[in-house]
Every structure is written in C-alpha cells, then in structure tokens.
Amino acid sequence: MRSDPTSRPAGADVPTLSTARFTLRRLRRDDAAALLPTLGDDAQCLYLSRGKFGSEEELWGWLADPSWPGLTWIAVDGAGEVVGRIVAVPQDEGGVFEIGYITCADRQREGIASECTRAVLSYLFHDRGARLATAEVDAENLASIRILERLGFRREALRPAFEVTHKGVCDVAFYALDKDAYSAGPHSE
C-alpha cells in the first residue's frame, strides 16, 4: 500500500546516488532557478506533456507539488552545477516504476541522462524491489528513444494519436525494461 504523498516531506524517499561524474540528490528550492532556462524554453519543452514554464515560482510549484507521488533526483556535476532531473513514479502495479529525465540545455549530448538514469535504475531494481521500469515517450523524440534503447529498454507498443499535449495530438511509444534484462545487459554507452 502506497503512503499518502502529502503526509511525507518532499524528497523523503530519495537517497543520494553517485555515478562516475555526477551526484544525484533530492530536490531543493534553488533548483527551480537552475532548471528554468531549460524548462522555460519552448524548444526544450517540445516533447513534454505541457508547455514551457513562465516563471521560477510556477516551475517550483510543479517540481515540489506535494500530491505528486514520484521520486525526483537532481543531477549535479563535481562543481555542484545542476545538469538534469531524473524521476521515477511508482505505478499501481507493485514493483513498477515509470522513469523520466531531462538534461539542462547547455549540457545536452554529454551522456548525462544515460549515466544518471542508469544509477536510478540500479537503485530501483536493487534497493526498491522494482521488477519493471517503463517509459512513455513522444514518438518524435528520437534523442530520448536512443537513450532508452542504450539503457536496454525495448519498445512494447506504439499508440498513434494517444496523447494531446501543448503541441497537439501525439503518437506515444511505450518502453519497458525488466529487472532480469537489466541485470543481464551491459548498459554501456
């Protein structure tokens, strides 16, 4: 049984994780300012289910929404600069988490999403008892699809005209990675 997300402090279930280049930590108030240049840009938000954010306050309200049941990690580099956000949302089926990620615009194409999501997947499968990780992605978002496939996810379905977002009607690709496939795979870049 999932606990009431409004009864726990934000980030209470989010341990600090490390990769070779990054630390993944819980969300802090000043992260909204660091993420706004990316999440306040139309082009960077093209494949999100909503359009860009107009202010730091609006973004913080979304990031820190106490009713959202997911786990949020903020990825920072060795200098403490925010480079991205990775999320895992527990689904109604026990042991299933939907994952998502965004890399700050000025740090894209450095392998950040792959490296940091790999750390989150390891945590979910080994420490949280996950049996399956899923992802839903706009079928036109080829960069995100490449990341998922590099991590070992397989396309399970393509749903034409499945979602209506700020950009209109979108086809959505559904990806999945089970614990056994994750444990057996190389997960290399």
C-alpha atoms as a PDB file:
ATOM      1  CA  MET A   1       0.000   0.000   0.000  1.00  0.00           C
ATOM      2  CA  ARG A   2       1.417   3.354  -1.042  1.00  0.00           C
ATOM      3  CA  SER A   3       1.629   6.009   1.648  1.00  0.00           C
ATOM      4  CA  ASP A   4      -0.186   9.294   1.250  1.00  0.00           C
ATOM      5  CA  PRO A   5       2.357  11.501  -0.571  1.00  0.00           C
ATOM      6  CA  THR A   6       1.059  14.625   1.129  1.00  0.00           C
ATOM      7  CA  SER A   7       1.997  13.206   4.533  1.00  0.00           C
ATOM      8  CA  ARG A   8       5.712  12.911   3.825  1.00  0.00           C
ATOM      9  CA  PRO A   9       8.255  15.668   3.346  1.00  0.00           C
ATOM     10  CA  ALA A  10       9.369  16.279  -0.244  1.00  0.00           C
ATOM     11  CA  GLY A  11      12.308  14.048  -1.101  1.00  0.00           C
ATOM     12  CA  ALA A  12      11.955  11.869   1.994  1.00  0.00           C
ATOM     13  CA  ASP A  13      12.300   8.682  -0.070  1.00  0.00           C
ATOM     14  CA  VAL A  14      15.132   9.945  -2.259  1.00  0.00           C
ATOM     15  CA  PRO A  15      18.600   8.731  -1.320  1.00  0.00           C
ATOM     16  CA  THR A  16      21.719  10.374  -2.690  1.00  0.00           C
ATOM     17  CA  LEU A  17      23.137   8.369  -5.599  1.00  0.00           C
ATOM     18  CA  SER A  18      26.511   8.695  -7.317  1.00  0.00           C
ATOM     19  CA  THR A  19      27.912   7.967 -10.746  1.00  0.00           C
ATOM     20  CA  ALA A  20      31.442   8.413 -12.073  1.00  0.00           C
ATOM     21  CA  ARG A  21      30.730  12.069 -12.915  1.00  0.00           C
ATOM     22  CA  PHE A  22      27.594  13.120 -11.067  1.00  0.00           C
ATOM     23  CA  THR A  23      25.774  13.169  -7.762  1.00  0.00           C
ATOM     24  CA  LEU A  24      22.014  12.662  -7.747  1.00  0.00           C
ATOM     25  CA  ARG A  25      20.407  14.355  -4.769  1.00  0.00           C
ATOM     26  CA  ARG A  26      16.965  15.365  -3.598  1.00  0.00           C
ATOM     27  CA  LEU A  27      15.216  18.459  -4.904  1.00  0.00           C
ATOM     28  CA  ARG A  28      15.962  21.866  -3.334  1.00  0.00           C
ATOM     29  CA  ARG A  29      14.204  25.212  -3.762  1.00  0.00           C
ATOM     30  CA  ASP A  30      17.073  26.788  -5.701  1.00  0.00           C
ATOM     31  CA  ASP A  31      16.867  24.017  -8.309  1.00  0.00           C
ATOM     32  CA  ALA A  32      13.922  25.826  -9.922  1.00  0.00           C
ATOM     33  CA  ALA A  33      16.229  28.711 -10.863  1.00  0.00           C
ATOM     34  CA  ALA A  34      18.793  26.292 -12.302  1.00  0.00           C
ATOM     35  CA  LEU A  35      16.194  24.368 -14.341  1.00  0.00           C
ATOM     36  CA  LEU A  36      14.191  27.370 -15.597  1.00  0.00           C
ATOM     37  CA  PRO A  37      16.480  28.201 -18.562  1.00  0.00           C
ATOM     38  CA  THR A  38      15.693  24.716 -19.897  1.00  0.00           C
ATOM     39  CA  LEU A  39      12.101  24.251 -18.738  1.00  0.00           C
ATOM     40  CA  GLY A  40      11.246  27.843 -19.679  1.00  0.00           C
ATOM     41  CA  ASP A  41      12.267  27.294 -23.317  1.00  0.00           C
ATOM     42  CA  ASP A  42       9.729  26.281 -25.983  1.00  0.00           C
ATOM     43  CA  ALA A  43      12.182  24.102 -27.904  1.00  0.00           C
ATOM     44  CA  GLN A  44      13.333  22.229 -24.790  1.00  0.00           C
ATOM     45  CA  CYS A  45       9.726  21.580 -23.722  1.00  0.00           C
ATOM     46  CA  LEU A  46       8.533  20.432 -27.137  1.00  0.00           C
ATOM     47  CA  TYR A  47       8.123  16.808 -26.046  1.00  0.00           C
ATOM     48  CA  LEU A  48       6.786  17.453 -22.544  1.00  0.00           C
ATOM     49  CA  SER A  49       3.092  16.980 -21.867  1.00  0.00           C
ATOM     50  CA  ARG A  50       2.866  20.695 -21.065  1.00  0.00           C
ATOM     51  CA  GLY A  51       4.442  23.824 -22.468  1.00  0.00           C
ATOM     52  CA  LYS A  52       7.265  25.886 -21.051  1.00  0.00           C
ATOM     53  CA  PHE A  53       7.166  27.427 -17.585  1.00  0.00           C
ATOM     54  CA  GLY A  54       6.784  31.196 -17.359  1.00  0.00           C
ATOM     55  CA  SER A  55       8.490  31.807 -14.035  1.00  0.00           C
ATOM     56  CA  GLU A  56      10.625  30.266 -11.347  1.00  0.00           C
ATOM     57  CA  GLU A  57       7.622  30.275  -8.995  1.00  0.00           C
ATOM     58  CA  GLU A  58       5.452  28.380 -11.481  1.00  0.00           C
ATOM     59  CA  LEU A  59       8.216  25.838 -12.045  1.00  0.00           C
ATOM     60  CA  TRP A  60       8.814  25.392  -8.308  1.00  0.00           C
ATOM     61  CA  GLY A  61       5.089  24.787  -7.756  1.00  0.00           C
ATOM     62  CA  TRP A  62       5.225  21.974 -10.332  1.00  0.00           C
ATOM     63  CA  LEU A  63       8.515  20.479  -9.119  1.00  0.00           C
ATOM     64  CA  ALA A  64       7.520  20.489  -5.456  1.00  0.00           C
ATOM     65  CA  ASP A  65       3.838  19.555  -5.819  1.00  0.00           C
ATOM     66  CA  PRO A  66       3.167  17.557  -2.614  1.00  0.00           C
ATOM     67  CA  SER A  67       0.440  15.481  -4.292  1.00  0.00           C
ATOM     68  CA  TRP A  68       2.828  14.101  -6.934  1.00  0.00           C
ATOM     69  CA  PRO A  69       3.759  10.545  -5.888  1.00  0.00           C
ATOM     70  CA  GLY A  70       7.097  10.325  -7.717  1.00  0.00           C
ATOM     71  CA  LEU A  71      10.719  10.428  -6.669  1.00  0.00           C
ATOM     72  CA  THR A  72      12.868  13.272  -8.006  1.00  0.00           C
ATOM     73  CA  TRP A  73      16.645  13.365  -8.257  1.00  0.00           C
ATOM     74  CA  ILE A  74      18.568  16.455  -9.291  1.00  0.00           C
ATOM     75  CA  ALA A  75      21.834  15.602 -11.038  1.00  0.00           C
ATOM     76  CA  VAL A  76      24.778  17.863 -10.238  1.00  0.00           C
ATOM     77  CA  ASP A  77      28.329  17.786 -11.557  1.00  0.00           C
ATOM     78  CA  GLY A  78      31.532  17.952  -9.500  1.00  0.00           C
ATOM     79  CA  ALA A  79      31.245  21.748  -9.267  1.00  0.00           C
ATOM     80  CA  GLY A  80      27.694  21.465  -7.887  1.00  0.00           C
ATOM     81  CA  GLU A  81      26.074  22.754 -11.107  1.00  0.00           C
ATOM     82  CA  VAL A  82      22.605  21.345 -11.824  1.00  0.00           C
ATOM     83  CA  VAL A  83      22.772  19.329 -15.053  1.00  0.00           C
ATOM     84  CA  GLY A  84      19.447  17.496 -15.083  1.00  0.00           C
ATOM     85  CA  ARG A  85      16.440  15.926 -13.398  1.00  0.00           C
ATOM     86  CA  ILE A  86      15.559  12.229 -13.235  1.00  0.00           C
ATOM     87  CA  VAL A  87      12.245  10.934 -11.902  1.00  0.00           C
ATOM     88  CA  ALA A  88      10.722   7.583 -11.005  1.00  0.00           C
ATOM     89  CA  VAL A  89       6.987   7.307 -10.424  1.00  0.00           C
ATOM     90  CA  PRO A  90       5.616   4.193  -8.707  1.00  0.00           C
ATOM     91  CA  GLN A  91       2.704   2.723 -10.646  1.00  0.00           C
ATOM     92  CA  ASP A  92      -0.342   0.983  -9.227  1.00  0.00           C
ATOM     93  CA  GLU A  93       1.152  -2.422 -10.027  1.00  0.00           C
ATOM     94  CA  GLY A  94       3.624  -3.387  -7.302  1.00  0.00           C
ATOM     95  CA  GLY A  95       7.244  -3.080  -8.325  1.00  0.00           C
ATOM     96  CA  VAL A  96       6.648  -0.987 -11.463  1.00  0.00           C
ATOM     97  CA  PHE A  97       8.163   2.484 -11.865  1.00  0.00           C
ATOM     98  CA  GLU A  98       7.814   4.895 -14.772  1.00  0.00           C
ATOM     99  CA  ILE A  99      11.018   6.831 -15.345  1.00  0.00           C
ATOM    100  CA  GLY A 100      11.712  10.176 -16.957  1.00  0.00           C
ATOM    101  CA  TYR A 101      14.629  12.547 -17.423  1.00  0.00           C
ATOM    102  CA  ILE A 102      15.618  15.935 -18.757  1.00  0.00           C
ATOM    103  CA  THR A 103      19.106  17.321 -19.218  1.00  0.00           C
ATOM    104  CA  CYS A 104      19.809  21.044 -18.924  1.00  0.00           C
ATOM    105  CA  ALA A 105      20.023  22.566 -22.404  1.00  0.00           C
ATOM    106  CA  ASP A 106      23.625  23.722 -22.070  1.00  0.00           C
ATOM    107  CA  ARG A 107      24.765  20.201 -21.038  1.00  0.00           C
ATOM    108  CA  GLN A 108      22.977  18.031 -23.596  1.00  0.00           C
ATOM    109  CA  ARG A 109      24.879  15.429 -25.632  1.00  0.00           C
ATOM    110  CA  GLU A 110      27.275  14.652 -22.762  1.00  0.00           C
ATOM    111  CA  GLY A 111      25.650  11.324 -21.795  1.00  0.00           C
ATOM    112  CA  ILE A 112      24.201  12.792 -18.603  1.00  0.00           C
ATOM    113  CA  ALA A 113      20.686  11.335 -18.953  1.00  0.00           C
ATOM    114  CA  SER A 114      22.043   7.850 -19.710  1.00  0.00           C
ATOM    115  CA  GLU A 115      24.549   7.854 -16.863  1.00  0.00           C
ATOM    116  CA  CYS A 116      22.199   9.270 -14.255  1.00  0.00           C
ATOM    117  CA  THR A 117      19.172   7.210 -15.285  1.00  0.00           C
ATOM    118  CA  ARG A 118      21.349   4.092 -15.103  1.00  0.00           C
ATOM    119  CA  ALA A 119      22.082   4.937 -11.447  1.00  0.00           C
ATOM    120  CA  VAL A 120      18.374   5.421 -10.724  1.00  0.00           C
ATOM    121  CA  LEU A 121      17.524   2.119 -12.426  1.00  0.00           C
ATOM    122  CA  SER A 122      20.144   0.317 -10.349  1.00  0.00           C
ATOM    123  CA  TYR A 123      18.650   1.802  -7.199  1.00  0.00           C
ATOM    124  CA  LEU A 124      15.084   0.890  -8.216  1.00  0.00           C
ATOM    125  CA  PHE A 125      15.934  -2.710  -9.155  1.00  0.00           C
ATOM    126  CA  HIS A 126      18.366  -3.458  -6.325  1.00  0.00           C
ATOM    127  CA  ASP A 127      17.136  -1.346  -3.411  1.00  0.00           C
ATOM    128  CA  ARG A 128      13.442  -0.650  -4.048  1.00  0.00           C
ATOM    129  CA  GLY A 129      12.457  -4.117  -5.287  1.00  0.00           C
ATOM    130  CA  ALA A 130      11.347  -2.913  -8.708  1.00  0.00           C
ATOM    131  CA  ARG A 131      10.554  -5.637 -11.205  1.00  0.00           C
ATOM    132  CA  LEU A 132       9.862  -3.371 -14.187  1.00  0.00           C
ATOM    133  CA  ALA A 133      10.794   0.132 -15.341  1.00  0.00           C
ATOM    134  CA  THR A 134       8.660   1.793 -18.008  1.00  0.00           C
ATOM    135  CA  ALA A 135       8.819   4.977 -20.041  1.00  0.00           C
ATOM    136  CA  GLU A 136       6.358   6.788 -22.280  1.00  0.00           C
ATOM    137  CA  VAL A 137       7.905   8.990 -24.932  1.00  0.00           C
ATOM    138  CA  ASP A 138       6.610  11.130 -27.774  1.00  0.00           C
ATOM    139  CA  ALA A 139       7.374   9.007 -30.853  1.00  0.00           C
ATOM    140  CA  GLU A 140       9.095  12.010 -32.474  1.00  0.00           C
ATOM    141  CA  ASN A 141      11.561  12.401 -29.587  1.00  0.00           C
ATOM    142  CA  LEU A 142      14.401  10.443 -31.171  1.00  0.00           C
ATOM    143  CA  ALA A 143      17.049  11.597 -28.678  1.00  0.00           C
ATOM    144  CA  SER A 144      15.046  10.216 -25.760  1.00  0.00           C
ATOM    145  CA  ILE A 145      14.318   6.994 -27.629  1.00  0.00           C
ATOM    146  CA  ARG A 146      18.064   6.497 -28.233  1.00  0.00           C
ATOM    147  CA  ILE A 147      18.721   6.931 -24.513  1.00  0.00           C
ATOM    148  CA  LEU A 148      16.079   4.351 -23.591  1.00  0.00           C
ATOM    149  CA  GLU A 149      17.419   1.849 -26.104  1.00  0.00           C
ATOM    150  CA  ARG A 150      21.006   2.397 -24.892  1.00  0.00           C
ATOM    151  CA  LEU A 151      19.798   1.594 -21.379  1.00  0.00           C
ATOM    152  CA  GLY A 152      18.281  -1.683 -22.594  1.00  0.00           C
ATOM    153  CA  PHE A 153      14.613  -0.663 -22.815  1.00  0.00           C
ATOM    154  CA  ARG A 154      12.539  -2.314 -25.541  1.00  0.00           C
ATOM    155  CA  ARG A 155       9.628  -0.766 -27.354  1.00  0.00           C
ATOM    156  CA  GLU A 156       6.494  -2.563 -26.225  1.00  0.00           C
ATOM    157  CA  ALA A 157       3.899  -0.553 -28.126  1.00  0.00           C
ATOM    158  CA  LEU A 158       3.288   2.462 -30.302  1.00  0.00           C
ATOM    159  CA  ARG A 159      -0.039   4.191 -29.765  1.00  0.00           C
ATOM    160  CA  PRO A 160      -0.999   6.549 -32.587  1.00  0.00           C
ATOM    161  CA  ALA A 161      -2.748   9.778 -31.554  1.00  0.00           C
ATOM    162  CA  PHE A 162      -2.557   8.669 -27.921  1.00  0.00           C
ATOM    163  CA  GLU A 163      -1.965  11.959 -26.134  1.00  0.00           C
ATOM    164  CA  VAL A 164      -2.942  15.583 -26.584  1.00  0.00           C
ATOM    165  CA  THR A 165      -0.252  17.991 -25.406  1.00  0.00           C
ATOM    166  CA  HIS A 166       0.545  21.668 -25.873  1.00  0.00           C
ATOM    167  CA  LYS A 167       1.877  20.836 -29.358  1.00  0.00           C
ATOM    168  CA  GLY A 168      -1.222  18.890 -30.422  1.00  0.00           C
ATOM    169  CA  VAL A 169      -2.042  15.204 -30.873  1.00  0.00           C
ATOM    170  CA  CYS A 170       0.988  12.949 -30.367  1.00  0.00           C
ATOM    171  CA  ASP A 171       1.884   9.346 -31.037  1.00  0.00           C
ATOM    172  CA  VAL A 172       3.347   7.763 -27.903  1.00  0.00           C
ATOM    173  CA  ALA A 173       5.875   4.949 -27.754  1.00  0.00           C
ATOM    174  CA  PHE A 174       5.841   2.719 -24.673  1.00  0.00           C
ATOM    175  CA  TYR A 175       9.127   1.222 -23.499  1.00  0.00           C
ATOM    176  CA  ALA A 176       9.901  -1.289 -20.756  1.00  0.00           C
ATOM    177  CA  LEU A 177      12.910  -2.835 -19.048  1.00  0.00           C
ATOM    178  CA  ASP A 178      12.504  -5.712 -16.614  1.00  0.00           C
ATOM    179  CA  LYS A 179      14.879  -6.482 -13.783  1.00  0.00           C
ATOM    180  CA  ASP A 180      16.198  -9.694 -15.371  1.00  0.00           C
ATOM    181  CA  ALA A 181      17.027  -7.950 -18.668  1.00  0.00           C
ATOM    182  CA  TYR A 182      18.661  -5.101 -16.759  1.00  0.00           C
ATOM    183  CA  SER A 183      20.776  -7.484 -14.691  1.00  0.00           C
ATOM    184  CA  ALA A 184      21.857  -9.427 -17.791  1.00  0.00           C
ATOM    185  CA  GLY A 185      22.616  -6.403 -20.011  1.00  0.00           C
ATOM    186  CA  PRO A 186      25.831  -4.432 -20.406  1.00  0.00           C
ATOM    187  CA  HIS A 187      24.151  -0.975 -20.048  1.00  0.00           C
ATOM    188  CA  SER A 188      27.037   0.743 -21.729  1.00  0.00           C
ATOM    189  CA  GLU A 189      27.023   3.949 -23.745  1.00  0.00           C
END
